Amino acid sequence: MSDSPVTVVHNADKQRYELRDDDAVIGYTQYHPDGDTQLVFDHTEVDDGYSGQGLAGKLVRFALDDVRERGKRVVAICPYVDNFIGKHPEYQDLTD
């Protein structure tokens, strides 16, 4: 683990949002498009060495904010994303 802050980026080529520590991908939430407006989030994971730091929440919050900016909708198959939305009512309007 480096001293640099962990960042979140959208990797559209891989259809996922990634947590990065420098250039290393240390976690991601994966989606696939369903039609023109829906993104189906089906998997989220963070490397064990980074657990307990709130990074999965940071990752999913970034992803949902980006989905909102892009005018898309969310289908949360991934249990983590589904639970996150359930605990954060400000994102419930994004879900189908």
PDB file of N, CA and C in Angstrom:
ATOM      1  N   MET A   1       0.853  -1.171   0.000  1.00  0.00           N
ATOM      2  CA  MET A   1       0.000   0.000   0.000  1.00  0.00           C
ATOM      3  C   MET A   1       0.899   1.235   0.000  1.00  0.00           C
ATOM      4  N   SER A   2       0.632   2.155  -0.898  1.00  0.00           N
ATOM      5  CA  SER A   2       1.450   3.355  -0.992  1.00  0.00           C
ATOM      6  C   SER A   2       0.859   4.466  -0.134  1.00  0.00           C
ATOM      7  N   ASP A   3       1.581   5.589  -0.062  1.00  0.00           N
ATOM      8  CA  ASP A   3       1.102   6.740   0.698  1.00  0.00           C
ATOM      9  C   ASP A   3       0.170   7.625  -0.120  1.00  0.00           C
ATOM     10  N   SER A   4       0.074   7.358  -1.414  1.00  0.00           N
ATOM     11  CA  SER A   4      -0.792   8.189  -2.256  1.00  0.00           C
ATOM     12  C   SER A   4      -2.251   7.840  -1.993  1.00  0.00           C
ATOM     13  N   PRO A   5      -3.134   8.824  -2.181  1.00  0.00           N
ATOM     14  CA  PRO A   5      -4.547   8.536  -1.949  1.00  0.00           C
ATOM     15  C   PRO A   5      -5.090   7.577  -3.008  1.00  0.00           C
ATOM     16  N   VAL A   6      -6.031   6.758  -2.583  1.00  0.00           N
ATOM     17  CA  VAL A   6      -6.710   5.856  -3.509  1.00  0.00           C
ATOM     18  C   VAL A   6      -7.683   6.694  -4.347  1.00  0.00           C
ATOM     19  N   THR A   7      -7.668   6.475  -5.661  1.00  0.00           N
ATOM     20  CA  THR A   7      -8.535   7.222  -6.558  1.00  0.00           C
ATOM     21  C   THR A   7      -9.556   6.282  -7.191  1.00  0.00           C
ATOM     22  N   VAL A   8     -10.616   6.874  -7.739  1.00  0.00           N
ATOM     23  CA  VAL A   8     -11.645   6.116  -8.439  1.00  0.00           C
ATOM     24  C   VAL A   8     -11.718   6.634  -9.864  1.00  0.00           C
ATOM     25  N   VAL A   9     -11.758   5.708 -10.817  1.00  0.00           N
ATOM     26  CA  VAL A   9     -11.868   6.088 -12.234  1.00  0.00           C
ATOM     27  C   VAL A   9     -12.913   5.210 -12.909  1.00  0.00           C
ATOM     28  N   HIS A  10     -13.482   5.726 -13.985  1.00  0.00           N
ATOM     29  CA  HIS A  10     -14.401   4.940 -14.811  1.00  0.00           C
ATOM     30  C   HIS A  10     -13.588   4.351 -15.945  1.00  0.00           C
ATOM     31  N   ASN A  11     -13.524   3.042 -16.020  1.00  0.00           N
ATOM     32  CA  ASN A  11     -12.841   2.348 -17.111  1.00  0.00           C
ATOM     33  C   ASN A  11     -13.934   1.822 -18.039  1.00  0.00           C
ATOM     34  N   ALA A  12     -14.347   2.672 -18.986  1.00  0.00           N
ATOM     35  CA  ALA A  12     -15.463   2.328 -19.868  1.00  0.00           C
ATOM     36  C   ALA A  12     -15.139   1.126 -20.742  1.00  0.00           C
ATOM     37  N   ASP A  13     -13.874   0.964 -21.123  1.00  0.00           N
ATOM     38  CA  ASP A  13     -13.493  -0.171 -21.966  1.00  0.00           C
ATOM     39  C   ASP A  13     -13.770  -1.504 -21.273  1.00  0.00           C
ATOM     40  N   LYS A  14     -13.582  -1.546 -19.965  1.00  0.00           N
ATOM     41  CA  LYS A  14     -13.819  -2.785 -19.202  1.00  0.00           C
ATOM     42  C   LYS A  14     -15.189  -2.793 -18.539  1.00  0.00           C
ATOM     43  N   GLN A  15     -15.990  -1.751 -18.759  1.00  0.00           N
ATOM     44  CA  GLN A  15     -17.326  -1.631 -18.170  1.00  0.00           C
ATOM     45  C   GLN A  15     -17.271  -1.794 -16.657  1.00  0.00           C
ATOM     46  N   ARG A  16     -16.438  -0.958 -16.045  1.00  0.00           N
ATOM     47  CA  ARG A  16     -16.363  -0.983 -14.593  1.00  0.00           C
ATOM     48  C   ARG A  16     -15.767   0.321 -14.076  1.00  0.00           C
ATOM     49  N   TYR A  17     -16.024   0.568 -12.805  1.00  0.00           N
ATOM     50  CA  TYR A  17     -15.399   1.663 -12.081  1.00  0.00           C
ATOM     51  C   TYR A  17     -14.328   1.032 -11.208  1.00  0.00           C
ATOM     52  N   GLU A  18     -13.144   1.642 -11.176  1.00  0.00           N
ATOM     53  CA  GLU A  18     -12.008   1.020 -10.503  1.00  0.00           C
ATOM     54  C   GLU A  18     -11.472   1.888  -9.379  1.00  0.00           C
ATOM     55  N   LEU A  19     -11.072   1.223  -8.292  1.00  0.00           N
ATOM     56  CA  LEU A  19     -10.276   1.835  -7.243  1.00  0.00           C
ATOM     57  C   LEU A  19      -8.830   1.610  -7.618  1.00  0.00           C
ATOM     58  N   ARG A  20      -8.022   2.681  -7.562  1.00  0.00           N
ATOM     59  CA  ARG A  20      -6.609   2.543  -7.909  1.00  0.00           C
ATOM     60  C   ARG A  20      -5.730   3.137  -6.817  1.00  0.00           C
ATOM     61  N   ASP A  21      -4.680   2.407  -6.511  1.00  0.00           N
ATOM     62  CA  ASP A  21      -3.617   2.873  -5.630  1.00  0.00           C
ATOM     63  C   ASP A  21      -2.410   3.039  -6.538  1.00  0.00           C
ATOM     64  N   ASP A  22      -2.071   4.279  -6.882  1.00  0.00           N
ATOM     65  CA  ASP A  22      -1.139   4.567  -7.970  1.00  0.00           C
ATOM     66  C   ASP A  22      -1.713   3.929  -9.233  1.00  0.00           C
ATOM     67  N   ASP A  23      -0.958   3.025  -9.870  1.00  0.00           N
ATOM     68  CA  ASP A  23      -1.451   2.401 -11.098  1.00  0.00           C
ATOM     69  C   ASP A  23      -2.094   1.032 -10.859  1.00  0.00           C
ATOM     70  N   ALA A  24      -2.058   0.565  -9.619  1.00  0.00           N
ATOM     71  CA  ALA A  24      -2.594  -0.761  -9.313  1.00  0.00           C
ATOM     72  C   ALA A  24      -4.098  -0.695  -9.086  1.00  0.00           C
ATOM     73  N   VAL A  25      -4.846  -1.574  -9.763  1.00  0.00           N
ATOM     74  CA  VAL A  25      -6.283  -1.691  -9.524  1.00  0.00           C
ATOM     75  C   VAL A  25      -6.475  -2.535  -8.269  1.00  0.00           C
ATOM     76  N   ILE A  26      -7.111  -1.933  -7.264  1.00  0.00           N
ATOM     77  CA  ILE A  26      -7.275  -2.627  -5.979  1.00  0.00           C
ATOM     78  C   ILE A  26      -8.733  -2.974  -5.693  1.00  0.00           C
ATOM     79  N   GLY A  27      -9.605  -2.622  -6.608  1.00  0.00           N
ATOM     80  CA  GLY A  27     -11.016  -2.961  -6.456  1.00  0.00           C
ATOM     81  C   GLY A  27     -11.802  -2.414  -7.631  1.00  0.00           C
ATOM     82  N   TYR A  28     -13.033  -2.908  -7.770  1.00  0.00           N
ATOM     83  CA  TYR A  28     -13.875  -2.429  -8.864  1.00  0.00           C
ATOM     84  C   TYR A  28     -15.329  -2.799  -8.623  1.00  0.00           C
ATOM     85  N   THR A  29     -16.203  -2.074  -9.304  1.00  0.00           N
ATOM     86  CA  THR A  29     -17.609  -2.455  -9.410  1.00  0.00           C
ATOM     87  C   THR A  29     -17.913  -2.544 -10.896  1.00  0.00           C
ATOM     88  N   GLN A  30     -18.446  -3.660 -11.284  1.00  0.00           N
ATOM     89  CA  GLN A  30     -18.613  -4.013 -12.697  1.00  0.00           C
ATOM     90  C   GLN A  30     -20.068  -3.873 -13.113  1.00  0.00           C
ATOM     91  N   TYR A  31     -20.270  -3.455 -14.361  1.00  0.00           N
ATOM     92  CA  TYR A  31     -21.630  -3.308 -14.874  1.00  0.00           C
ATOM     93  C   TYR A  31     -21.682  -3.758 -16.321  1.00  0.00           C
ATOM     94  N   HIS A  32     -22.887  -3.948 -16.815  1.00  0.00           N
ATOM     95  CA  HIS A  32     -23.084  -4.131 -18.254  1.00  0.00           C
ATOM     96  C   HIS A  32     -24.343  -3.373 -18.648  1.00  0.00           C
ATOM     97  N   PRO A  33     -24.322  -2.791 -19.837  1.00  0.00           N
ATOM     98  CA  PRO A  33     -25.499  -2.038 -20.271  1.00  0.00           C
ATOM     99  C   PRO A  33     -26.654  -2.982 -20.601  1.00  0.00           C
ATOM    100  N   ASP A  34     -27.857  -2.508 -20.321  1.00  0.00           N
ATOM    101  CA  ASP A  34     -29.067  -3.220 -20.704  1.00  0.00           C
ATOM    102  C   ASP A  34     -29.961  -2.196 -21.401  1.00  0.00           C
ATOM    103  N   GLY A  35     -29.908  -2.188 -22.714  1.00  0.00           N
ATOM    104  CA  GLY A  35     -30.621  -1.159 -23.468  1.00  0.00           C
ATOM    105  C   GLY A  35     -29.834   0.141 -23.455  1.00  0.00           C
ATOM    106  N   ASP A  36     -30.505   1.228 -23.762  1.00  0.00           N
ATOM    107  CA  ASP A  36     -29.837   2.520 -23.876  1.00  0.00           C
ATOM    108  C   ASP A  36     -29.660   3.251 -22.555  1.00  0.00           C
ATOM    109  N   THR A  37     -30.504   2.934 -21.574  1.00  0.00           N
ATOM    110  CA  THR A  37     -30.477   3.759 -20.359  1.00  0.00           C
ATOM    111  C   THR A  37     -30.043   3.030 -19.100  1.00  0.00           C
ATOM    112  N   GLN A  38     -30.125   1.706 -19.061  1.00  0.00           N
ATOM    113  CA  GLN A  38     -29.837   0.987 -17.824  1.00  0.00           C
ATOM    114  C   GLN A  38     -28.418   0.425 -17.799  1.00  0.00           C
ATOM    115  N   LEU A  39     -27.809   0.538 -16.606  1.00  0.00           N
ATOM    116  CA  LEU A  39     -26.543  -0.136 -16.328  1.00  0.00           C
ATOM    117  C   LEU A  39     -26.808  -1.135 -15.211  1.00  0.00           C
ATOM    118  N   VAL A  40     -26.528  -2.396 -15.488  1.00  0.00           N
ATOM    119  CA  VAL A  40     -26.755  -3.468 -14.513  1.00  0.00           C
ATOM    120  C   VAL A  40     -25.450  -3.714 -13.763  1.00  0.00           C
ATOM    121  N   PHE A  41     -25.416  -3.355 -12.482  1.00  0.00           N
ATOM    122  CA  PHE A  41     -24.239  -3.582 -11.644  1.00  0.00           C
ATOM    123  C   PHE A  41     -24.335  -4.978 -11.054  1.00  0.00           C
ATOM    124  N   ASP A  42     -23.342  -5.825 -11.376  1.00  0.00           N
ATOM    125  CA  ASP A  42     -23.453  -7.226 -10.968  1.00  0.00           C
ATOM    126  C   ASP A  42     -22.334  -7.733 -10.065  1.00  0.00           C
ATOM    127  N   HIS A  43     -21.297  -6.919  -9.816  1.00  0.00           N
ATOM    128  CA  HIS A  43     -20.219  -7.416  -8.964  1.00  0.00           C
ATOM    129  C   HIS A  43     -19.374  -6.259  -8.455  1.00  0.00           C
ATOM    130  N   THR A  44     -19.026  -6.310  -7.169  1.00  0.00           N
ATOM    131  CA  THR A  44     -18.130  -5.336  -6.555  1.00  0.00           C
ATOM    132  C   THR A  44     -17.142  -6.096  -5.688  1.00  0.00           C
ATOM    133  N   GLU A  45     -15.872  -5.713  -5.767  1.00  0.00           N
ATOM    134  CA  GLU A  45     -14.887  -6.309  -4.866  1.00  0.00           C
ATOM    135  C   GLU A  45     -13.752  -5.335  -4.605  1.00  0.00           C
ATOM    136  N   VAL A  46     -13.138  -5.486  -3.411  1.00  0.00           N
ATOM    137  CA  VAL A  46     -11.979  -4.707  -3.005  1.00  0.00           C
ATOM    138  C   VAL A  46     -10.957  -5.699  -2.470  1.00  0.00           C
ATOM    139  N   ASP A  47      -9.685  -5.523  -2.859  1.00  0.00           N
ATOM    140  CA  ASP A  47      -8.628  -6.404  -2.378  1.00  0.00           C
ATOM    141  C   ASP A  47      -8.633  -6.458  -0.849  1.00  0.00           C
ATOM    142  N   ASP A  48      -8.382  -7.656  -0.302  1.00  0.00           N
ATOM    143  CA  ASP A  48      -8.422  -7.863   1.149  1.00  0.00           C
ATOM    144  C   ASP A  48      -7.524  -6.886   1.909  1.00  0.00           C
ATOM    145  N   GLY A  49      -6.375  -6.558   1.357  1.00  0.00           N
ATOM    146  CA  GLY A  49      -5.439  -5.660   2.036  1.00  0.00           C
ATOM    147  C   GLY A  49      -5.960  -4.246   2.212  1.00  0.00           C
ATOM    148  N   TYR A  50      -7.056  -3.930   1.541  1.00  0.00           N
ATOM    149  CA  TYR A  50      -7.636  -2.588   1.609  1.00  0.00           C
ATOM    150  C   TYR A  50      -9.004  -2.574   2.276  1.00  0.00           C
ATOM    151  N   SER A  51      -9.415  -3.706   2.824  1.00  0.00           N
ATOM    152  CA  SER A  51     -10.749  -3.769   3.433  1.00  0.00           C
ATOM    153  C   SER A  51     -10.791  -2.955   4.723  1.00  0.00           C
ATOM    154  N   GLY A  52     -11.991  -2.561   5.112  1.00  0.00           N
ATOM    155  CA  GLY A  52     -12.166  -1.828   6.356  1.00  0.00           C
ATOM    156  C   GLY A  52     -11.843  -0.349   6.275  1.00  0.00           C
ATOM    157  N   GLN A  53     -11.613   0.175   5.079  1.00  0.00           N
ATOM    158  CA  GLN A  53     -11.268   1.596   4.915  1.00  0.00           C
ATOM    159  C   GLN A  53     -12.395   2.399   4.270  1.00  0.00           C
ATOM    160  N   GLY A  54     -13.537   1.768   4.038  1.00  0.00           N
ATOM    161  CA  GLY A  54     -14.649   2.473   3.424  1.00  0.00           C
ATOM    162  C   GLY A  54     -14.492   2.678   1.924  1.00  0.00           C
ATOM    163  N   LEU A  55     -13.571   1.940   1.321  1.00  0.00           N
ATOM    164  CA  LEU A  55     -13.283   2.158  -0.099  1.00  0.00           C
ATOM    165  C   LEU A  55     -14.390   1.647  -1.013  1.00  0.00           C
ATOM    166  N   ALA A  56     -15.052   0.562  -0.641  1.00  0.00           N
ATOM    167  CA  ALA A  56     -16.150   0.063  -1.475  1.00  0.00           C
ATOM    168  C   ALA A  56     -17.263   1.109  -1.536  1.00  0.00           C
ATOM    169  N   GLY A  57     -17.550   1.755  -0.421  1.00  0.00           N
ATOM    170  CA  GLY A  57     -18.557   2.814  -0.407  1.00  0.00           C
ATOM    171  C   GLY A  57     -18.136   3.999  -1.257  1.00  0.00           C
ATOM    172  N   LYS A  58     -16.866   4.378  -1.158  1.00  0.00           N
ATOM    173  CA  LYS A  58     -16.343   5.476  -1.986  1.00  0.00           C
ATOM    174  C   LYS A  58     -16.485   5.132  -3.462  1.00  0.00           C
ATOM    175  N   LEU A  59     -16.171   3.895  -3.803  1.00  0.00           N
ATOM    176  CA  LEU A  59     -16.253   3.415  -5.181  1.00  0.00           C
ATOM    177  C   LEU A  59     -17.694   3.468  -5.705  1.00  0.00           C
ATOM    178  N   VAL A  60     -18.617   2.914  -4.941  1.00  0.00           N
ATOM    179  CA  VAL A  60     -20.007   2.846  -5.391  1.00  0.00           C
ATOM    180  C   VAL A  60     -20.628   4.240  -5.448  1.00  0.00           C
ATOM    181  N   ARG A  61     -20.300   5.100  -4.489  1.00  0.00           N
ATOM    182  CA  ARG A  61     -20.807   6.480  -4.516  1.00  0.00           C
ATOM    183  C   ARG A  61     -20.336   7.190  -5.795  1.00  0.00           C
ATOM    184  N   PHE A  62     -19.058   7.039  -6.133  1.00  0.00           N
ATOM    185  CA  PHE A  62     -18.513   7.638  -7.359  1.00  0.00           C
ATOM    186  C   PHE A  62     -19.259   7.113  -8.582  1.00  0.00           C
ATOM    187  N   ALA A  63     -19.453   5.797  -8.621  1.00  0.00           N
ATOM    188  CA  ALA A  63     -20.124   5.174  -9.771  1.00  0.00           C
ATOM    189  C   ALA A  63     -21.555   5.693  -9.910  1.00  0.00           C
ATOM    190  N   LEU A  64     -22.282   5.745  -8.799  1.00  0.00           N
ATOM    191  CA  LEU A  64     -23.677   6.194  -8.855  1.00  0.00           C
ATOM    192  C   LEU A  64     -23.767   7.669  -9.235  1.00  0.00           C
ATOM    193  N   ASP A  65     -22.852   8.490  -8.727  1.00  0.00           N
ATOM    194  CA  ASP A  65     -22.834   9.901  -9.113  1.00  0.00           C
ATOM    195  C   ASP A  65     -22.576  10.044 -10.607  1.00  0.00           C
ATOM    196  N   ASP A  66     -21.675   9.218 -11.131  1.00  0.00           N
ATOM    197  CA  ASP A  66     -21.365   9.265 -12.563  1.00  0.00           C
ATOM    198  C   ASP A  66     -22.559   8.798 -13.394  1.00  0.00           C
ATOM    199  N   VAL A  67     -23.219   7.744 -12.950  1.00  0.00           N
ATOM    200  CA  VAL A  67     -24.415   7.250 -13.650  1.00  0.00           C
ATOM    201  C   VAL A  67     -25.467   8.363 -13.705  1.00  0.00           C
ATOM    202  N   ARG A  68     -25.655   9.052 -12.592  1.00  0.00           N
ATOM    203  CA  ARG A  68     -26.634  10.147 -12.551  1.00  0.00           C
ATOM    204  C   ARG A  68     -26.244  11.247 -13.546  1.00  0.00           C
ATOM    205  N   GLU A  69     -24.967  11.637 -13.545  1.00  0.00           N
ATOM    206  CA  GLU A  69     -24.490  12.679 -14.463  1.00  0.00           C
ATOM    207  C   GLU A  69     -24.721  12.306 -15.923  1.00  0.00           C
ATOM    208  N   ARG A  70     -24.593  11.039 -16.220  1.00  0.00           N
ATOM    209  CA  ARG A  70     -24.735  10.553 -17.594  1.00  0.00           C
ATOM    210  C   ARG A  70     -26.194  10.301 -17.973  1.00  0.00           C
ATOM    211  N   GLY A  71     -27.121  10.500 -17.030  1.00  0.00           N
ATOM    212  CA  GLY A  71     -28.540  10.335 -17.322  1.00  0.00           C
ATOM    213  C   GLY A  71     -28.963   8.891 -17.481  1.00  0.00           C
ATOM    214  N   LYS A  72     -28.227   7.983 -16.837  1.00  0.00           N
ATOM    215  CA  LYS A  72     -28.538   6.554 -16.919  1.00  0.00           C
ATOM    216  C   LYS A  72     -29.304   6.104 -15.688  1.00  0.00           C
ATOM    217  N   ARG A  73     -29.736   4.852 -15.702  1.00  0.00           N
ATOM    218  CA  ARG A  73     -30.452   4.225 -14.598  1.00  0.00           C
ATOM    219  C   ARG A  73     -29.640   3.025 -14.102  1.00  0.00           C
ATOM    220  N   VAL A  74     -29.916   2.600 -12.875  1.00  0.00           N
ATOM    221  CA  VAL A  74     -29.168   1.509 -12.245  1.00  0.00           C
ATOM    222  C   VAL A  74     -30.090   0.324 -11.985  1.00  0.00           C
ATOM    223  N   VAL A  75     -29.607  -0.862 -12.319  1.00  0.00           N
ATOM    224  CA  VAL A  75     -30.208  -2.114 -11.873  1.00  0.00           C
ATOM    225  C   VAL A  75     -29.148  -2.776 -10.997  1.00  0.00           C
ATOM    226  N   ALA A  76     -29.433  -2.898  -9.708  1.00  0.00           N
ATOM    227  CA  ALA A  76     -28.433  -3.381  -8.753  1.00  0.00           C
ATOM    228  C   ALA A  76     -28.634  -4.861  -8.473  1.00  0.00           C
ATOM    229  N   ILE A  77     -27.931  -5.708  -9.217  1.00  0.00           N
ATOM    230  CA  ILE A  77     -27.930  -7.145  -8.957  1.00  0.00           C
ATOM    231  C   ILE A  77     -26.889  -7.454  -7.880  1.00  0.00           C
ATOM    232  N   CYS A  78     -25.801  -6.697  -7.890  1.00  0.00           N
ATOM    233  CA  CYS A  78     -24.738  -6.868  -6.893  1.00  0.00           C
ATOM    234  C   CYS A  78     -25.288  -6.544  -5.506  1.00  0.00           C
ATOM    235  N   PRO A  79     -25.139  -7.460  -4.546  1.00  0.00           N
ATOM    236  CA  PRO A  79     -25.671  -7.216  -3.199  1.00  0.00           C
ATOM    237  C   PRO A  79     -25.079  -5.964  -2.547  1.00  0.00           C
ATOM    238  N   TYR A  80     -23.803  -5.687  -2.777  1.00  0.00           N
ATOM    239  CA  TYR A  80     -23.204  -4.504  -2.149  1.00  0.00           C
ATOM    240  C   TYR A  80     -23.844  -3.230  -2.684  1.00  0.00           C
ATOM    241  N   VAL A  81     -23.985  -3.125  -3.998  1.00  0.00           N
ATOM    242  CA  VAL A  81     -24.584  -1.932  -4.602  1.00  0.00           C
ATOM    243  C   VAL A  81     -26.036  -1.800  -4.141  1.00  0.00           C
ATOM    244  N   ASP A  82     -26.754  -2.902  -4.122  1.00  0.00           N
ATOM    245  CA  ASP A  82     -28.151  -2.892  -3.678  1.00  0.00           C
ATOM    246  C   ASP A  82     -28.255  -2.403  -2.234  1.00  0.00           C
ATOM    247  N   ASN A  83     -27.407  -2.926  -1.342  1.00  0.00           N
ATOM    248  CA  ASN A  83     -27.417  -2.507   0.065  1.00  0.00           C
ATOM    249  C   ASN A  83     -27.018  -1.042   0.213  1.00  0.00           C
ATOM    250  N   PHE A  84     -26.029  -0.610  -0.573  1.00  0.00           N
ATOM    251  CA  PHE A  84     -25.580   0.781  -0.518  1.00  0.00           C
ATOM    252  C   PHE A  84     -26.735   1.716  -0.863  1.00  0.00           C
ATOM    253  N   ILE A  85     -27.445   1.404  -1.936  1.00  0.00           N
ATOM    254  CA  ILE A  85     -28.577   2.236  -2.350  1.00  0.00           C
ATOM    255  C   ILE A  85     -29.667   2.216  -1.273  1.00  0.00           C
ATOM    256  N   GLY A  86     -29.895   1.055  -0.657  1.00  0.00           N
ATOM    257  CA  GLY A  86     -30.885   0.961   0.408  1.00  0.00           C
ATOM    258  C   GLY A  86     -30.552   1.835   1.608  1.00  0.00           C
ATOM    259  N   LYS A  87     -29.262   2.024   1.887  1.00  0.00           N
ATOM    260  CA  LYS A  87     -28.826   2.828   3.033  1.00  0.00           C
ATOM    261  C   LYS A  87     -28.659   4.302   2.680  1.00  0.00           C
ATOM    262  N   HIS A  88     -28.699   4.635   1.400  1.00  0.00           N
ATOM    263  CA  HIS A  88     -28.493   6.021   0.956  1.00  0.00           C
ATOM    264  C   HIS A  88     -29.660   6.442   0.061  1.00  0.00           C
ATOM    265  N   PRO A  89     -30.732   6.940   0.683  1.00  0.00           N
ATOM    266  CA  PRO A  89     -31.956   7.247  -0.069  1.00  0.00           C
ATOM    267  C   PRO A  89     -31.746   8.239  -1.211  1.00  0.00           C
ATOM    268  N   GLU A  90     -30.680   9.016  -1.147  1.00  0.00           N
ATOM    269  CA  GLU A  90     -30.436   9.991  -2.219  1.00  0.00           C
ATOM    270  C   GLU A  90     -30.156   9.326  -3.568  1.00  0.00           C
ATOM    271  N   TYR A  91     -29.923   8.008  -3.555  1.00  0.00           N
ATOM    272  CA  TYR A  91     -29.669   7.285  -4.811  1.00  0.00           C
ATOM    273  C   TYR A  91     -30.845   6.420  -5.262  1.00  0.00           C
ATOM    274  N   GLN A  92     -31.887   6.327  -4.446  1.00  0.00           N
ATOM    275  CA  GLN A  92     -32.984   5.412  -4.775  1.00  0.00           C
ATOM    276  C   GLN A  92     -33.733   5.815  -6.033  1.00  0.00           C
ATOM    277  N   ASP A  93     -33.682   7.107  -6.401  1.00  0.00           N
ATOM    278  CA  ASP A  93     -34.356   7.545  -7.627  1.00  0.00           C
ATOM    279  C   ASP A  93     -33.671   7.056  -8.885  1.00  0.00           C
ATOM    280  N   LEU A  94     -32.456   6.525  -8.760  1.00  0.00           N
ATOM    281  CA  LEU A  94     -31.707   6.023  -9.918  1.00  0.00           C
ATOM    282  C   LEU A  94     -32.063   4.594 -10.298  1.00  0.00           C
ATOM    283  N   THR A  95     -32.750   3.883  -9.399  1.00  0.00           N
ATOM    284  CA  THR A  95     -32.896   2.446  -9.580  1.00  0.00           C
ATOM    285  C   THR A  95     -34.154   2.059 -10.330  1.00  0.00           C
ATOM    286  N   ASP A  96     -34.004   0.984 -11.075  1.00  0.00           N
ATOM    287  CA  ASP A  96     -35.134   0.369 -11.781  1.00  0.00           C
ATOM    288  C   ASP A  96     -35.359  -1.028 -11.230  1.00  0.00           C
TER     289      ASP A  96
END
